[in-house]
Amino acid sequence: MNHRNHVIRAVQAEEWAKVKEIRLDALQDPAAPVAFLETYEQGLAHPDLFWQQRAAGVSPRFGTSSGQFIAEAPDGSWSGSVVVLIEAAGSSDFFGSTIAQAQGHLVGVYVRPEHRGSGLLGALVAEALDWAWTREEPRLSRVRLYVHEANPRAQAAYRKLGFVPTGTVIPFEHDPLAKEVEMAIKRP
């Protein structure tokens, strides 16, 4: 997919160094403490093998159960990224809850500050959703995400893309007094 001067595409396994680079940049963003479950220091401590395995695990070309999609600028730099995890019915998610229905889970959403408001987020999410909806097994009925209650900008952006709050709220891992709001979009 082409969005303005960016190409929106799936990550390839051999691009692990760029996967690492954009993740570390995301973890330094001012919104990172409420947007990600990992700190910059934790991300930085991972060895190259971790990043190589992560890139291979999110490369849809390998038939994985997750896909990472990036917005690539003409100079080859990455301006944004999103990951969609496939959660099988009956499995447990990373919060320890049992998955009731096969679904996608949008995580690791990041657009560099200079590209926010440009439509890149929508293009990234559209590519991730297209991949999720076209999977044969398991067939997904919805894709969800969690957003911190104190991140109204992100909530508004996701609403604009068609995600709606489901009523499910969970404690935020780093602060049990804070909450994460589940938002979802149904299969078209």
Protein backbone atom coordinates (compact mmCIF):
# COMPACT_ATOMS: atom_id res chain seq x y z
CA MET A 1 0.00 0.00 0.00
CA ASN A 2 1.25 3.49 -0.76
CA HIS A 3 0.39 6.41 1.49
CA ARG A 4 1.54 9.73 0.13
CA ASN A 5 5.28 9.18 -0.16
CA HIS A 6 5.41 6.15 2.18
CA VAL A 7 5.08 2.48 1.36
CA ILE A 8 3.06 0.55 3.93
CA ARG A 9 4.25 -3.05 4.01
CA ALA A 10 5.02 -6.08 6.14
CA VAL A 11 8.33 -6.41 7.93
CA GLN A 12 10.81 -8.94 6.57
CA ALA A 13 12.80 -11.16 8.95
CA GLU A 14 16.15 -9.78 7.78
CA GLU A 15 15.09 -6.26 8.84
CA TRP A 16 15.62 -7.00 12.53
CA ALA A 17 17.97 -4.02 13.06
CA LYS A 18 15.26 -1.63 11.87
CA VAL A 19 12.67 -3.44 14.01
CA LYS A 20 14.98 -2.78 16.97
CA GLU A 21 15.57 0.85 15.97
CA ILE A 22 11.90 1.83 15.67
CA ARG A 23 10.98 0.00 18.87
CA LEU A 24 13.72 1.77 20.83
CA ASP A 25 12.61 5.11 19.36
CA ALA A 26 9.02 4.34 20.38
CA LEU A 27 10.14 3.50 23.92
CA GLN A 28 11.73 6.96 24.20
CA ASP A 29 8.55 8.78 23.18
CA PRO A 30 7.00 10.93 25.93
CA ALA A 31 3.82 8.79 25.75
CA ALA A 32 5.78 5.53 26.13
CA PRO A 33 5.12 5.07 29.88
CA VAL A 34 1.36 4.78 29.20
CA ALA A 35 1.60 3.26 25.71
CA PHE A 36 3.99 0.31 26.09
CA LEU A 37 4.51 -2.46 28.62
CA GLU A 38 8.29 -2.20 28.28
CA THR A 39 10.77 0.54 29.15
CA TYR A 40 13.55 1.86 26.96
CA GLU A 41 16.11 0.31 29.32
CA GLN A 42 14.44 -3.10 29.01
CA GLY A 43 14.35 -2.81 25.22
CA LEU A 44 17.97 -1.71 25.05
CA ALA A 45 19.07 -4.69 27.16
CA HIS A 46 17.78 -7.25 24.64
CA PRO A 47 20.57 -8.98 22.66
CA ASP A 48 20.57 -8.99 18.86
CA LEU A 49 19.25 -12.58 18.87
CA PHE A 50 16.07 -11.33 20.58
CA TRP A 51 15.52 -8.77 17.80
CA GLN A 52 16.29 -11.34 15.08
CA GLN A 53 13.73 -13.74 16.55
CA ARG A 54 11.22 -10.94 17.01
CA ALA A 55 11.52 -9.84 13.37
CA ALA A 56 11.17 -13.43 12.13
CA GLY A 57 8.15 -13.91 14.41
CA VAL A 58 6.28 -10.93 12.96
CA SER A 59 7.14 -11.43 9.32
CA PRO A 60 3.84 -12.53 7.69
CA ARG A 61 5.83 -14.08 4.85
CA PHE A 62 6.72 -16.92 7.23
CA GLY A 63 3.08 -17.73 8.07
CA THR A 64 3.44 -16.45 11.60
CA SER A 65 0.58 -15.74 13.97
CA SER A 66 1.51 -12.09 14.14
CA GLY A 67 2.40 -9.43 11.64
CA GLN A 68 4.31 -6.18 11.88
CA PHE A 69 3.62 -3.48 9.33
CA ILE A 70 5.71 -0.39 8.77
CA ALA A 71 5.53 2.92 6.93
CA GLU A 72 8.71 3.21 4.88
CA ALA A 73 9.82 6.62 3.62
CA PRO A 74 11.55 7.07 0.24
CA ASP A 75 14.94 7.21 2.00
CA GLY A 76 14.32 3.76 3.54
CA SER A 77 13.68 5.05 7.05
CA TRP A 78 10.65 3.84 8.96
CA SER A 79 8.12 6.47 10.05
CA GLY A 80 5.73 4.18 11.91
CA SER A 81 4.93 0.65 12.90
CA VAL A 82 2.06 -1.50 14.14
CA VAL A 83 1.88 -5.16 15.16
CA VAL A 84 -1.21 -7.35 15.12
CA LEU A 85 -1.14 -10.55 17.18
CA ILE A 86 -3.54 -13.39 16.37
CA GLU A 87 -5.19 -14.74 19.52
CA ALA A 88 -6.81 -18.17 19.20
CA ALA A 89 -10.03 -18.92 21.07
CA GLY A 90 -9.24 -20.69 24.36
CA SER A 91 -5.68 -19.39 24.58
CA SER A 92 -4.46 -16.89 27.19
CA ASP A 93 -3.46 -13.34 26.36
CA PHE A 94 -0.50 -11.57 27.94
CA PHE A 95 -2.78 -10.28 30.71
CA GLY A 96 -3.61 -13.87 31.70
CA SER A 97 -7.21 -13.71 30.48
CA THR A 98 -8.73 -16.52 28.42
CA ILE A 99 -9.55 -15.54 24.84
CA ALA A 100 -13.26 -16.17 24.21
CA GLN A 101 -13.15 -15.85 20.41
CA ALA A 102 -10.47 -15.84 17.73
CA GLN A 103 -9.36 -12.24 17.41
CA GLY A 104 -6.54 -9.94 16.51
CA HIS A 105 -4.80 -7.74 19.05
CA LEU A 106 -3.16 -4.51 17.89
CA VAL A 107 0.03 -3.70 19.85
CA GLY A 108 3.23 -1.71 19.48
CA VAL A 109 1.49 1.12 17.64
CA TYR A 110 3.91 3.97 16.95
CA VAL A 111 4.18 6.85 14.50
CA ARG A 112 7.15 9.20 14.75
CA PRO A 113 6.07 12.64 16.06
CA GLU A 114 6.84 14.47 12.81
CA HIS A 115 4.39 12.19 10.95
CA ARG A 116 1.49 12.26 13.41
CA GLY A 117 -1.69 13.66 11.96
CA SER A 118 -0.57 12.78 8.42
CA GLY A 119 -2.77 9.73 7.97
CA LEU A 120 0.07 7.23 8.45
CA LEU A 121 -1.60 5.69 11.50
CA GLY A 122 -4.73 4.99 9.48
CA ALA A 123 -2.71 3.49 6.63
CA LEU A 124 -0.73 1.27 9.02
CA VAL A 125 -3.83 0.06 10.83
CA ALA A 126 -5.66 -0.53 7.53
CA GLU A 127 -2.81 -2.75 6.29
CA ALA A 128 -2.72 -4.67 9.58
CA LEU A 129 -6.50 -5.14 9.56
CA ASP A 130 -6.49 -6.24 5.93
CA TRP A 131 -3.93 -8.92 6.80
CA ALA A 132 -5.93 -9.99 9.88
CA TRP A 133 -9.27 -10.17 8.05
CA THR A 134 -7.89 -12.18 5.13
CA ARG A 135 -6.37 -14.93 7.29
CA GLU A 136 -8.10 -18.26 6.80
CA GLU A 137 -7.30 -19.90 10.14
CA PRO A 138 -8.40 -18.83 12.56
CA ARG A 139 -11.05 -16.62 11.00
CA LEU A 140 -11.21 -13.48 13.12
CA SER A 141 -14.41 -11.75 14.20
CA ARG A 142 -12.71 -8.68 15.66
CA VAL A 143 -9.44 -6.91 16.35
CA ARG A 144 -8.91 -5.26 19.71
CA LEU A 145 -6.40 -3.01 21.41
CA TYR A 146 -5.88 -1.51 24.83
CA VAL A 147 -5.31 2.17 25.41
CA HIS A 148 -4.47 3.91 28.68
CA GLU A 149 -7.31 5.92 30.18
CA ALA A 150 -4.98 8.93 30.39
CA ASN A 151 -4.17 8.88 26.67
CA PRO A 152 -7.15 10.71 25.10
CA ARG A 153 -5.23 11.53 21.92
CA ALA A 154 -4.73 7.82 21.18
CA GLN A 155 -8.33 7.02 22.12
CA ALA A 156 -9.56 9.67 19.68
CA ALA A 157 -7.27 8.40 16.92
CA TYR A 158 -8.55 4.85 17.35
CA ARG A 159 -12.17 6.01 17.40
CA LYS A 160 -11.56 7.82 14.11
CA LEU A 161 -10.35 4.49 12.67
CA GLY A 162 -13.55 2.69 13.76
CA PHE A 163 -12.53 1.20 17.11
CA VAL A 164 -15.10 1.52 19.90
CA PRO A 165 -14.78 0.93 23.64
CA THR A 166 -16.05 -2.55 24.57
CA GLY A 167 -16.69 -1.83 28.25
CA THR A 168 -13.74 -4.00 29.32
CA VAL A 169 -11.28 -2.16 31.53
CA ILE A 170 -8.19 -3.71 33.13
CA PRO A 171 -5.58 -2.41 35.59
CA PHE A 172 -2.51 -0.87 33.96
CA GLU A 173 0.48 -3.13 34.59
CA HIS A 174 2.80 -0.36 35.84
CA ASP A 175 0.18 1.35 38.04
CA PRO A 176 -2.73 -0.76 39.36
CA LEU A 177 -4.67 2.44 40.15
CA ALA A 178 -4.69 3.37 36.47
CA LYS A 179 -6.77 1.59 33.84
CA GLU A 180 -6.46 0.37 30.27
CA VAL A 181 -9.58 0.59 28.12
CA GLU A 182 -10.24 -2.14 25.56
CA MET A 183 -11.38 -0.91 22.16
CA ALA A 184 -12.33 -3.17 19.25
CA ILE A 185 -13.39 -3.15 15.64
CA LYS A 186 -15.56 -5.89 14.15
CA ARG A 187 -14.90 -7.70 10.93
CA PRO A 188 -16.53 -5.80 8.04
